[in-house]
Protein backbone atom coordinates (compact mmCIF):
# COMPACT_ATOMS: atom_id res chain seq x y z
CA MET A 1 190.23 -48.99 244.72
CA ASN A 2 191.06 -46.36 247.35
CA ARG A 3 188.97 -45.78 250.48
CA SER A 4 187.61 -42.44 249.20
CA LEU A 5 186.15 -44.04 246.10
CA ALA A 6 184.83 -46.99 248.10
CA ALA A 7 182.96 -44.55 250.37
CA LEU A 8 181.42 -42.82 247.37
CA LEU A 9 180.29 -46.05 245.78
CA LEU A 10 178.57 -47.18 248.89
CA LEU A 11 177.85 -44.15 248.90
CA PRO A 12 169.72 -32.89 252.31
CA THR A 13 167.61 -22.88 255.63
CA ILE A 14 164.65 -24.48 253.67
CA ALA A 15 161.09 -24.65 252.59
CA LEU A 16 159.80 -28.15 253.10
CA ALA A 17 158.17 -30.15 250.34
CA ALA A 18 154.51 -31.14 250.25
CA PRO A 19 153.50 -34.81 250.35
CA VAL A 20 154.19 -36.72 247.16
CA PRO A 21 152.35 -39.68 245.66
CA LYS A 22 153.41 -43.20 246.50
CA ALA A 23 155.92 -44.80 244.18
CA LYS A 24 154.68 -46.91 241.31
CA GLU A 25 155.34 -50.62 241.27
CA GLY A 26 159.01 -51.31 240.59
CA VAL A 27 160.33 -52.43 237.22
CA ASN A 28 162.47 -55.08 238.97
CA LYS A 29 165.82 -54.12 237.46
CA LEU A 30 169.29 -53.89 238.96
CA LEU A 31 171.56 -50.95 238.14
CA VAL A 32 175.27 -51.44 238.80
CA ALA A 33 177.93 -48.70 238.80
CA THR A 34 181.53 -49.86 238.50
CA GLU A 35 184.78 -47.99 239.08
CA ASP A 36 185.67 -48.07 235.39
CA GLY A 37 182.99 -45.40 234.78
CA LYS A 38 180.24 -47.70 233.52
CA LEU A 39 176.57 -48.20 234.38
CA THR A 40 175.07 -51.61 233.67
CA LEU A 41 171.37 -52.51 233.73
CA LEU A 42 170.36 -56.15 234.23
CA ASN A 43 167.69 -58.49 235.52
CA PRO A 44 167.94 -59.74 239.13
CA ASP A 45 169.00 -63.16 237.84
CA GLY A 46 171.91 -61.60 235.92
CA THR A 47 170.37 -61.96 232.44
CA ASP A 48 169.97 -59.24 229.81
CA ALA A 49 172.94 -57.23 231.11
CA ARG A 50 173.60 -54.14 228.99
CA THR A 51 175.86 -51.14 229.40
CA VAL A 52 173.83 -47.92 229.48
CA LEU A 53 176.66 -45.45 230.20
CA GLU A 54 180.42 -45.35 229.59
CA ALA A 55 181.95 -42.24 231.15
CA GLY A 56 185.55 -43.50 231.01
CA GLU A 57 188.04 -44.56 233.67
CA LYS A 58 188.99 -40.95 234.43
CA GLN A 59 185.48 -40.24 235.74
CA TRP A 60 183.81 -41.46 238.89
CA VAL A 61 180.19 -42.47 238.31
CA TYR A 62 178.41 -43.06 241.60
CA ASN A 63 175.09 -42.61 243.47
CA ALA A 64 173.38 -43.95 240.35
CA ARG A 65 169.64 -44.35 240.98
CA LEU A 66 166.84 -45.64 238.74
CA SER A 67 163.74 -43.44 238.58
CA PRO A 68 160.47 -44.85 239.98
CA ASP A 69 159.26 -45.71 236.46
CA GLY A 70 162.61 -47.25 235.51
CA LYS A 71 163.02 -44.99 232.47
CA GLN A 72 165.73 -42.62 233.76
CA VAL A 73 168.88 -42.72 235.87
CA MET A 74 170.13 -39.91 238.07
CA TYR A 75 173.85 -40.17 238.81
CA CYS A 76 176.80 -38.17 240.12
CA LEU A 77 179.89 -37.53 237.99
CA ARG A 78 183.27 -36.09 238.94
CA PRO A 79 186.91 -36.49 237.85
CA VAL A 80 188.86 -39.24 239.60
CA GLY A 81 190.68 -37.79 242.60
CA ASP A 82 190.28 -36.84 246.24
CA PRO A 83 186.56 -36.18 246.97
CA SER A 84 187.58 -33.40 249.37
CA ASP A 85 189.75 -31.52 246.86
CA GLY A 86 187.01 -28.97 246.13
CA THR A 87 186.23 -30.12 242.60
CA PRO A 88 182.47 -29.72 241.97
CA THR A 89 180.35 -32.79 241.31
CA THR A 90 177.71 -32.68 238.59
CA LEU A 91 174.36 -34.46 238.74
CA HIS A 92 173.22 -35.93 235.44
CA LEU A 93 169.95 -37.40 234.16
CA LEU A 94 170.21 -40.31 231.73
CA ASP A 95 167.29 -41.30 229.48
CA LEU A 96 167.45 -45.08 229.09
CA ASP A 97 165.45 -45.08 225.84
CA THR A 98 167.61 -42.57 223.98
CA LYS A 99 170.79 -43.10 226.06
CA LYS A 100 171.18 -39.33 226.12
CA SER A 101 172.52 -37.77 229.31
CA ALA A 102 172.10 -34.15 230.44
CA GLU A 103 173.63 -32.22 233.33
CA VAL A 104 171.03 -31.12 235.88
CA ILE A 105 173.10 -29.17 238.41
CA SER A 106 176.62 -28.73 239.78
CA ILE A 107 177.12 -29.35 243.51
CA PRO A 108 180.10 -27.57 245.17
CA HIS A 109 180.79 -30.42 247.58
CA THR A 110 180.67 -34.16 246.92
CA PRO A 111 177.15 -35.62 247.38
CA MET A 112 177.31 -38.64 249.67
CA HIS A 113 173.81 -40.03 249.21
CA LEU A 114 171.07 -39.71 246.59
CA PHE A 115 167.54 -41.09 246.26
CA TRP A 116 164.42 -40.33 244.22
CA ALA A 117 161.19 -38.82 245.49
CA PRO A 118 158.24 -41.17 244.73
CA ASP A 119 156.80 -38.79 242.12
CA GLY A 120 159.88 -39.16 239.90
CA LYS A 121 160.18 -35.37 239.54
CA SER A 122 162.92 -34.71 242.07
CA VAL A 123 165.71 -36.33 244.06
CA TYR A 124 166.83 -35.98 247.66
CA GLY A 125 170.48 -35.92 248.61
CA ASN A 126 173.12 -34.61 250.97
CA SER A 127 176.66 -33.29 250.90
CA ARG A 128 179.09 -31.68 253.27
CA ASP A 129 181.97 -29.25 253.26
CA PRO A 130 184.94 -30.94 254.99
CA SER A 131 186.55 -27.55 255.64
CA ALA A 132 183.50 -26.28 257.54
CA ASN A 133 184.42 -28.24 260.64
CA PRO A 134 188.09 -29.32 260.70
CA ASN A 135 187.90 -30.81 264.22
CA PRO A 136 188.27 -34.60 263.70
CA GLY A 137 186.23 -35.21 266.86
CA ARG A 138 183.14 -33.58 265.38
CA PRO A 139 181.23 -34.34 262.18
CA ALA A 140 181.28 -31.82 259.38
CA ASP A 141 177.94 -30.08 258.85
CA TRP A 142 175.59 -31.94 256.50
CA SER A 143 173.67 -30.07 253.83
CA ASN A 144 170.42 -31.88 252.93
CA TRP A 145 168.49 -30.88 249.83
CA ARG A 146 165.90 -31.70 247.17
CA ILE A 147 166.53 -31.04 243.46
CA ASP A 148 163.95 -30.70 240.70
CA VAL A 149 165.28 -32.94 237.91
CA VAL A 150 163.67 -30.81 235.17
CA THR A 151 164.58 -27.28 236.28
CA GLY A 152 167.65 -28.12 238.37
CA ARG A 153 166.27 -25.99 241.21
CA LYS A 154 167.84 -26.93 244.55
CA THR A 155 165.81 -26.56 247.75
CA ASP A 156 167.55 -26.94 251.09
CA LEU A 157 165.86 -28.99 253.82
CA THR A 158 165.60 -27.77 257.39
CA LEU A 159 167.40 -30.54 259.26
CA PRO A 160 169.97 -29.99 262.02
CA ALA A 161 173.59 -29.99 260.88
CA GLU A 162 174.33 -33.49 262.20
CA TYR A 163 171.33 -35.03 260.43
CA ARG A 164 171.77 -36.86 257.15
CA ALA A 165 168.77 -37.75 254.96
CA TRP A 166 168.99 -41.47 254.22
CA GLY A 167 165.83 -42.56 252.43
CA LEU A 168 162.06 -42.36 252.14
CA GLY A 169 159.87 -43.29 255.07
CA PRO A 170 156.89 -45.67 254.81
CA LYS A 171 154.46 -42.73 254.84
CA ASP A 172 154.00 -40.05 252.17
CA GLY A 173 156.01 -36.88 252.85
CA GLU A 174 158.30 -38.65 255.31
CA LEU A 175 162.09 -39.01 255.25
CA ILE A 176 164.29 -41.36 257.23
CA PHE A 177 167.46 -39.76 258.56
CA LEU A 178 170.63 -40.74 260.36
CA ARG A 179 171.97 -38.57 263.15
CA HIS A 180 175.74 -38.54 263.62
CA TYR A 181 176.67 -37.68 267.19
CA LEU A 182 179.88 -36.04 268.33
CA ALA A 183 182.59 -38.63 268.80
CA ASN A 184 183.86 -37.03 272.01
CA VAL A 185 180.51 -37.21 273.82
CA GLY A 186 179.56 -40.82 273.30
CA GLY A 187 179.50 -40.90 269.53
CA GLY A 188 177.26 -43.15 267.53
CA ARG A 189 174.29 -42.83 265.25
CA SER A 190 170.56 -42.85 265.76
CA VAL A 191 167.70 -43.06 263.29
CA GLY A 192 164.48 -41.13 263.05
CA ARG A 193 161.84 -39.75 260.73
CA VAL A 194 160.96 -36.20 259.70
CA ASP A 195 157.55 -35.17 258.37
CA THR A 196 158.27 -32.74 255.52
CA VAL A 197 154.86 -31.07 255.94
CA THR A 198 154.75 -30.37 259.67
CA SER A 199 158.55 -30.40 260.23
CA THR A 200 157.95 -32.87 263.06
CA VAL A 201 161.04 -34.91 263.90
CA SER A 202 160.64 -38.30 265.57
CA GLU A 203 164.00 -39.57 266.74
CA PHE A 204 164.58 -42.94 268.35
CA ASP A 205 166.95 -43.26 271.26
CA PRO A 206 170.21 -44.68 269.84
CA LYS A 207 170.16 -47.43 272.48
CA GLU A 208 166.73 -48.51 271.22
CA VAL A 209 167.61 -48.36 267.54
CA PHE A 210 171.26 -49.36 267.39
CA PRO A 211 172.53 -50.79 270.71
CA GLY A 212 176.17 -49.89 271.12
CA ALA A 213 175.58 -47.17 268.52
CA LEU A 214 179.28 -46.63 267.87
CA GLU A 215 179.62 -50.20 266.62
CA LEU A 216 176.70 -50.57 264.19
CA TYR A 217 176.65 -48.97 260.76
CA PRO A 218 173.49 -49.01 258.59
CA LEU A 219 173.95 -50.20 255.00
CA ALA A 220 170.38 -50.22 253.64
CA THR A 221 166.80 -49.92 254.85
CA PHE A 222 163.86 -52.15 253.93
CA PRO A 223 160.73 -50.58 252.35
CA ASP A 224 158.84 -50.47 255.67
CA GLY A 225 161.54 -48.24 257.19
CA LYS A 226 161.71 -50.41 260.33
CA ARG A 227 164.28 -53.02 259.33
CA TRP A 228 167.87 -52.33 258.39
CA ILE A 229 170.86 -54.17 256.98
CA VAL A 230 173.73 -53.32 259.34
CA GLN A 231 177.42 -54.06 259.73
CA TRP A 232 179.46 -54.24 262.92
CA PRO A 233 183.10 -55.07 263.75
CA PRO A 234 185.03 -56.79 262.59
CA THR A 235 183.08 -57.79 259.45
CA LYS A 236 179.72 -59.01 260.75
CA ILE A 237 176.62 -58.33 258.64
CA GLY A 238 172.98 -58.88 259.52
CA ALA A 239 169.56 -57.31 260.02
CA PHE A 240 168.25 -55.06 262.77
CA THR A 241 164.60 -54.33 263.51
CA VAL A 242 163.72 -51.15 265.41
CA GLY A 243 162.79 -52.14 268.97
CA ASP A 244 164.97 -55.25 269.13
CA GLU A 245 167.86 -55.43 271.58
CA LYS A 246 170.43 -56.67 269.10
CA PRO A 247 170.84 -57.41 265.39
CA THR A 248 170.51 -60.85 263.83
CA ARG A 249 173.76 -61.95 262.25
CA TRP A 250 173.66 -63.50 258.78
CA ASP A 251 176.17 -66.34 258.69
CA LYS A 252 175.20 -67.78 255.30
CA LEU A 253 176.66 -64.97 253.17
CA PRO A 254 179.77 -65.73 251.10
CA LYS A 255 183.17 -64.59 252.31
CA TYR A 256 184.02 -60.94 251.51
CA ALA A 257 180.34 -59.93 251.18
CA GLY A 258 179.88 -56.29 252.10
CA GLU A 259 179.97 -52.55 251.31
CA ALA A 260 177.32 -52.43 248.60
CA PHE A 261 173.72 -53.58 249.24
CA ALA A 262 170.36 -52.99 247.57
CA ILE A 263 166.92 -54.29 248.54
CA SER A 264 164.23 -55.34 246.03
CA PRO A 265 161.08 -53.16 245.80
CA ASP A 266 159.02 -55.84 247.55
CA GLY A 267 161.60 -56.27 250.31
CA LYS A 268 161.96 -60.01 249.69
CA ARG A 269 165.45 -60.15 248.16
CA ILE A 270 168.81 -58.44 248.54
CA ALA A 271 171.58 -57.76 246.03
CA PHE A 272 175.12 -57.30 247.30
CA GLN A 273 178.77 -57.13 246.33
CA VAL A 274 181.45 -59.72 247.04
CA LEU A 275 184.99 -58.34 246.75
CA ASN A 276 188.26 -59.49 248.26
CA ARG A 277 190.13 -56.32 249.29
CA GLN A 278 193.16 -58.07 250.73
CA VAL A 279 196.47 -56.58 249.64
CA GLY A 280 197.64 -58.08 246.37
CA ASN A 281 194.26 -59.45 245.33
CA THR A 282 193.05 -58.24 241.95
CA ASP A 283 189.89 -60.33 241.49
CA PRO A 284 186.95 -58.39 240.04
CA ALA A 285 183.83 -57.70 242.09
CA THR A 286 180.89 -60.09 241.78
CA LEU A 287 177.17 -59.42 242.19
CA TRP A 288 175.09 -61.77 244.32
CA VAL A 289 171.40 -62.05 245.25
CA CYS A 290 169.96 -63.67 248.39
CA ASP A 291 166.68 -63.89 250.29
CA ALA A 292 165.70 -61.16 252.77
CA ASP A 293 167.06 -63.20 255.68
CA GLY A 294 170.53 -63.56 254.15
CA THR A 295 170.07 -67.16 252.97
CA ASN A 296 170.12 -68.81 249.53
CA ALA A 297 172.86 -66.52 248.17
CA LYS A 298 173.72 -66.97 244.51
CA GLN A 299 176.17 -65.20 242.22
CA VAL A 300 174.36 -63.62 239.26
CA TRP A 301 176.98 -61.40 237.57
CA GLU A 302 180.70 -60.65 237.48
CA SER A 303 182.19 -57.23 236.91
CA LYS A 304 185.39 -56.60 234.97
CA ALA A 305 186.29 -53.89 237.49
CA ARG A 306 187.12 -53.68 241.18
CA GLY A 307 184.25 -52.36 243.28
CA LEU A 308 180.65 -51.65 242.42
CA ALA A 309 177.52 -49.93 243.74
CA ILE A 310 173.99 -51.25 243.32
CA ASP A 311 170.44 -49.93 242.97
CA TRP A 312 167.28 -52.06 242.70
CA ARG A 313 164.05 -50.60 241.38
């Protein structure tokens, strides 16, 4: 699988949304997207696996997310190819009862992240136009938005260009964001929260959140918004809690664990991918589950394809 597709699989001037109700209790299901254009729904122990979508190997299916009630899936669909080639990406809504899928909206530039609002009526996401800022030393401008899944109406969010909406905060009406700094002035990433009612932005100093900010990359955030799964060179993976001086490395994970992570609704378990990307290796990706501290890892499912992305609701 090429690096562009791997990034997608890992993979918001605006009126701000009012607070939304808290999410309902999760249905405790895993949703896996594989590079052969399939979506598979299964239990966290790997049982009752069933294919819910087959788009074909000529289509990329990514950013697949289960709705808060577990009855629908929002996902991105685009032809296989270079994500920066200008081909629009379409967002689709899949009904898991009827298995019928409908296009919601077409996005001019490839969405890089997608997540549901707690009310199940809209999704947040972000995308960027690579041609808007060709200087390799500066990040392209991010466009952050919220889309009504019924009407397809897209509402832009008022976040600075280098901000990228990442997930929901622990409070109603709150988003967690990443801030990508300019590479030629120190680089790195910091994390903060934005209140979508008051437009108040609370940003943590990058040295407080991610020491050596250029080296740490966030992979997933726990439900409380204060603890993150992070990766740092060369292939170290662990957890970082806001306020700590350094991350805690997980040394009990299997070899080649990485790229795709999802955290259970209660924050007690983690699902992740194991895939050997060494040249010449053709082994399929496997799905594993471990405790929230990276211990007791167990394989629960094996894909027939290379590379996968995971959601846990």
